[in-house]
């Protein structure tokens, strides 16, 4: 008898846990996507025999309209819009409108500033990388021979130290993204001119 009672208690606790877990699963509103995102999936729990009517402002429903799951291609313009869906069951009864606000985040950009000239074997200089959009940012820059990637940058602008240079070097940004996975564009370049040391002749005596 005690064993049966214990078993019932365990079953009750397990069922309560799973019901609570299922109820806890929800989408945060507003949701976030990168502006211009394609192939974004949205869905509701499916009911057999129901049809679902979706409205997606500033987005195109690529597939799935009238079903419980849709694929959306979002506008490239940043902003916030609200997805709406209305379910009509097999009896023709109309359900409450469900809504989800979606914020289309601006894509990050990175630009370089700073021009300098050095003498040969100087200890180096620095240049700044300025960002737009939502950080933290990740970016990759090149000196024409090697690429360097930096991640989780929160400083804006961010200073890059070149280290010692032996020849004129051009720096460019080759990639920029943020922690949300939004990929943006980079612009500008920085040229650090390295001036040669003088070639002093030997000492002569008249």
Protein backbone atom coordinates (compact mmCIF):
# COMPACT_ATOMS: atom_id res chain seq x y z
CA UNK A 1 0.00 0.00 0.00
CA UNK A 2 2.81 2.37 0.90
CA UNK A 3 4.57 1.46 -2.33
CA UNK A 4 1.44 2.27 -4.34
CA UNK A 5 1.03 5.60 -2.55
CA UNK A 6 4.69 6.49 -3.21
CA UNK A 7 4.29 5.58 -6.87
CA UNK A 8 1.25 7.84 -7.23
CA UNK A 9 3.16 10.73 -5.62
CA UNK A 10 6.06 10.28 -8.05
CA UNK A 11 3.70 10.18 -11.05
CA UNK A 12 1.97 13.35 -9.81
CA UNK A 13 5.28 15.20 -9.41
CA UNK A 14 6.53 14.10 -12.84
CA UNK A 15 3.28 15.10 -14.58
CA UNK A 16 3.27 18.45 -12.76
CA UNK A 17 6.86 19.09 -13.86
CA UNK A 18 6.12 18.39 -17.51
CA UNK A 19 2.93 20.47 -17.55
CA UNK A 20 4.80 23.36 -15.92
CA UNK A 21 7.69 22.98 -18.39
CA UNK A 22 5.33 23.00 -21.38
CA UNK A 23 3.48 26.06 -20.08
CA UNK A 24 6.80 27.80 -19.46
CA UNK A 25 7.80 27.46 -23.11
CA UNK A 26 6.90 30.76 -24.75
CA UNK A 27 8.38 33.28 -27.14
CA UNK A 28 9.64 36.53 -25.65
CA UNK A 29 7.91 39.58 -27.08
CA UNK A 30 9.43 41.50 -28.70
CA UNK A 31 11.35 38.85 -30.54
CA UNK A 32 14.50 39.95 -32.38
CA UNK A 33 15.84 39.23 -35.87
CA UNK A 34 18.47 40.84 -38.04
CA UNK A 35 17.02 43.31 -40.55
CA UNK A 36 16.77 41.56 -43.91
CA UNK A 37 16.70 38.11 -42.31
CA UNK A 38 15.37 35.42 -44.64
CA UNK A 39 14.05 31.99 -43.73
CA UNK A 40 12.83 32.95 -40.24
CA UNK A 41 10.42 30.30 -38.90
CA UNK A 42 7.37 31.02 -36.70
CA UNK A 43 4.77 28.53 -35.54
CA UNK A 44 1.91 27.80 -33.15
CA UNK A 45 0.85 24.47 -31.67
CA UNK A 46 -1.04 22.55 -34.33
CA UNK A 47 -4.67 21.52 -33.94
CA UNK A 48 -5.96 18.88 -36.36
CA UNK A 49 -8.44 20.31 -38.84
CA UNK A 50 -7.60 23.97 -38.12
CA UNK A 51 -6.39 26.58 -40.58
CA UNK A 52 -4.25 29.53 -39.59
CA UNK A 53 -4.37 33.01 -41.10
CA UNK A 54 -1.15 35.00 -40.66
CA UNK A 55 -0.41 38.70 -41.05
CA UNK A 56 3.25 39.77 -41.22
CA UNK A 57 3.79 43.53 -41.73
CA UNK A 58 7.10 44.39 -43.42
CA UNK A 59 7.76 40.73 -44.06
CA UNK A 60 6.95 38.29 -46.83
CA UNK A 61 5.49 34.88 -46.03
CA UNK A 62 7.68 32.64 -48.16
CA UNK A 63 5.79 29.46 -47.30
CA UNK A 64 3.27 27.96 -44.90
CA UNK A 65 0.41 30.47 -45.01
CA UNK A 66 -2.84 28.93 -43.74
CA UNK A 67 -0.81 26.35 -41.80
CA UNK A 68 0.49 26.29 -38.24
CA UNK A 69 4.07 27.10 -39.36
CA UNK A 70 5.36 29.84 -41.66
CA UNK A 71 8.69 30.96 -43.10
CA UNK A 72 9.23 34.74 -43.25
CA UNK A 73 11.65 36.91 -45.24
CA UNK A 74 11.98 40.18 -43.35
CA UNK A 75 12.42 43.71 -44.66
CA UNK A 76 15.96 45.09 -44.61
CA UNK A 77 14.71 48.25 -42.89
CA UNK A 78 15.14 48.24 -39.08
CA UNK A 79 11.96 48.60 -37.04
CA UNK A 80 9.34 46.79 -34.99
CA UNK A 81 6.24 45.05 -36.35
CA UNK A 82 3.71 42.61 -34.94
CA UNK A 83 3.01 39.17 -36.39
CA UNK A 84 -0.63 38.12 -35.98
CA UNK A 85 -2.29 34.76 -36.45
CA UNK A 86 -5.95 33.72 -36.22
CA UNK A 87 -6.95 30.07 -35.97
CA UNK A 88 -10.17 28.77 -37.49
CA UNK A 89 -11.02 25.25 -36.33
CA UNK A 90 -12.77 22.49 -38.28
CA UNK A 91 -16.13 23.72 -36.98
CA UNK A 92 -15.56 27.19 -38.40
CA UNK A 93 -15.05 28.74 -34.98
CA UNK A 94 -12.58 31.64 -34.86
CA UNK A 95 -10.01 31.82 -32.07
CA UNK A 96 -8.41 34.81 -30.38
CA UNK A 97 -5.74 36.67 -32.32
CA UNK A 98 -2.24 35.76 -31.16
CA UNK A 99 0.45 38.42 -31.52
CA UNK A 100 4.23 38.56 -31.45
CA UNK A 101 6.17 41.82 -31.73
CA UNK A 102 9.38 41.41 -33.76
CA UNK A 103 12.22 43.93 -33.68
CA UNK A 104 14.35 43.99 -36.83
CA UNK A 105 17.77 44.98 -35.54
CA UNK A 106 19.95 47.30 -37.66
CA UNK A 107 22.91 45.56 -39.26
CA UNK A 108 26.31 46.48 -37.81
CA UNK A 109 28.88 48.51 -39.72
CA UNK A 110 32.56 49.17 -39.10
CA UNK A 111 34.78 51.95 -40.41
CA UNK A 112 38.45 52.84 -39.96
CA UNK A 113 39.90 56.19 -39.00
CA UNK A 114 43.43 57.40 -38.44
CA UNK A 115 46.31 58.12 -40.79
CA UNK A 116 49.89 58.13 -39.63
CA UNK A 117 53.50 58.01 -40.73
CA UNK A 118 56.38 56.44 -38.91
CA UNK A 119 60.09 56.09 -39.14
CA UNK A 120 61.51 52.68 -39.95
CA UNK A 121 61.67 50.34 -36.88
CA UNK A 122 59.37 52.64 -34.90
CA UNK A 123 57.50 50.80 -32.13
CA UNK A 124 54.22 51.27 -34.02
CA UNK A 125 51.05 53.29 -34.04
CA UNK A 126 47.31 52.68 -33.74
CA UNK A 127 44.05 53.22 -35.61
CA UNK A 128 40.41 53.27 -34.53
CA UNK A 129 37.51 51.08 -35.61
CA UNK A 130 34.10 52.75 -35.21
CA UNK A 131 30.87 50.72 -35.15
CA UNK A 132 27.16 51.27 -35.68
CA UNK A 133 24.29 48.96 -34.82
CA UNK A 134 23.91 46.90 -31.68
CA UNK A 135 27.01 45.47 -30.00
CA UNK A 136 29.06 43.77 -28.79
CA UNK A 137 30.76 43.44 -32.16
CA UNK A 138 33.09 40.98 -33.87
CA UNK A 139 35.36 42.07 -36.69
CA UNK A 140 38.23 40.93 -38.85
CA UNK A 141 40.91 43.21 -40.25
CA UNK A 142 43.73 42.61 -42.71
CA UNK A 143 47.15 44.18 -43.21
CA UNK A 144 47.34 42.80 -46.74
CA UNK A 145 49.23 39.69 -45.66
CA UNK A 146 47.53 38.47 -42.51
CA UNK A 147 44.02 38.62 -41.07
CA UNK A 148 43.19 39.14 -37.40
CA UNK A 149 39.77 38.45 -35.85
CA UNK A 150 38.56 40.04 -32.63
CA UNK A 151 35.32 39.15 -30.82
CA UNK A 152 32.99 40.51 -28.17
CA UNK A 153 34.17 44.12 -28.56
CA UNK A 154 32.13 46.58 -26.50
CA UNK A 155 34.35 49.68 -26.82
CA UNK A 156 33.26 52.09 -29.57
CA UNK A 157 35.53 53.23 -31.11
CA UNK A 158 37.98 50.39 -30.55
CA UNK A 159 41.73 51.03 -30.80
CA UNK A 160 43.99 48.62 -32.67
CA UNK A 161 47.73 48.79 -32.05
CA UNK A 162 49.82 47.97 -35.11
CA UNK A 163 53.05 47.02 -33.42
CA UNK A 164 56.41 47.61 -35.08
CA UNK A 165 56.27 48.12 -38.87
CA UNK A 166 59.08 47.88 -41.38
CA UNK A 167 57.16 48.95 -44.51
CA UNK A 168 54.11 51.01 -45.46
CA UNK A 169 51.00 49.03 -44.54
CA UNK A 170 47.33 49.36 -45.49
CA UNK A 171 44.73 48.12 -43.01
CA UNK A 172 41.20 47.21 -44.05
CA UNK A 173 38.17 45.73 -42.30
CA UNK A 174 37.07 42.54 -44.05
CA UNK A 175 34.12 41.44 -41.90
CA UNK A 176 31.87 42.72 -39.13
CA UNK A 177 29.05 41.10 -37.16
CA UNK A 178 27.51 41.28 -33.69
CA UNK A 179 26.68 38.83 -30.92
CA UNK A 180 23.20 38.31 -32.37
CA UNK A 181 24.66 36.92 -35.59
CA UNK A 182 23.80 39.96 -37.70
CA UNK A 183 26.38 40.44 -40.45
CA UNK A 184 27.04 43.94 -41.72
CA UNK A 185 29.36 45.93 -43.95
CA UNK A 186 32.76 47.55 -43.49
CA UNK A 187 34.24 50.61 -45.14
CA UNK A 188 37.42 52.67 -45.34
CA UNK A 189 41.06 51.83 -44.95
CA UNK A 190 44.04 53.19 -43.07
CA UNK A 191 47.47 53.62 -44.61
CA UNK A 192 50.42 53.77 -42.23
CA UNK A 193 53.43 55.18 -44.09
CA UNK A 194 56.78 53.89 -42.91
CA UNK A 195 59.56 56.29 -43.88
CA UNK A 196 62.99 54.77 -44.52
CA UNK A 197 65.90 55.54 -42.27
CA UNK A 198 68.59 57.73 -43.86
CA UNK A 199 71.40 55.89 -45.63
CA UNK A 200 74.37 57.68 -44.11
CA UNK A 201 77.63 57.22 -45.99
CA UNK A 202 80.89 56.12 -44.49
CA UNK A 203 83.05 58.73 -42.81
CA UNK A 204 85.72 60.17 -45.10
CA UNK A 205 88.88 62.11 -44.32
CA UNK A 206 90.32 64.76 -46.62
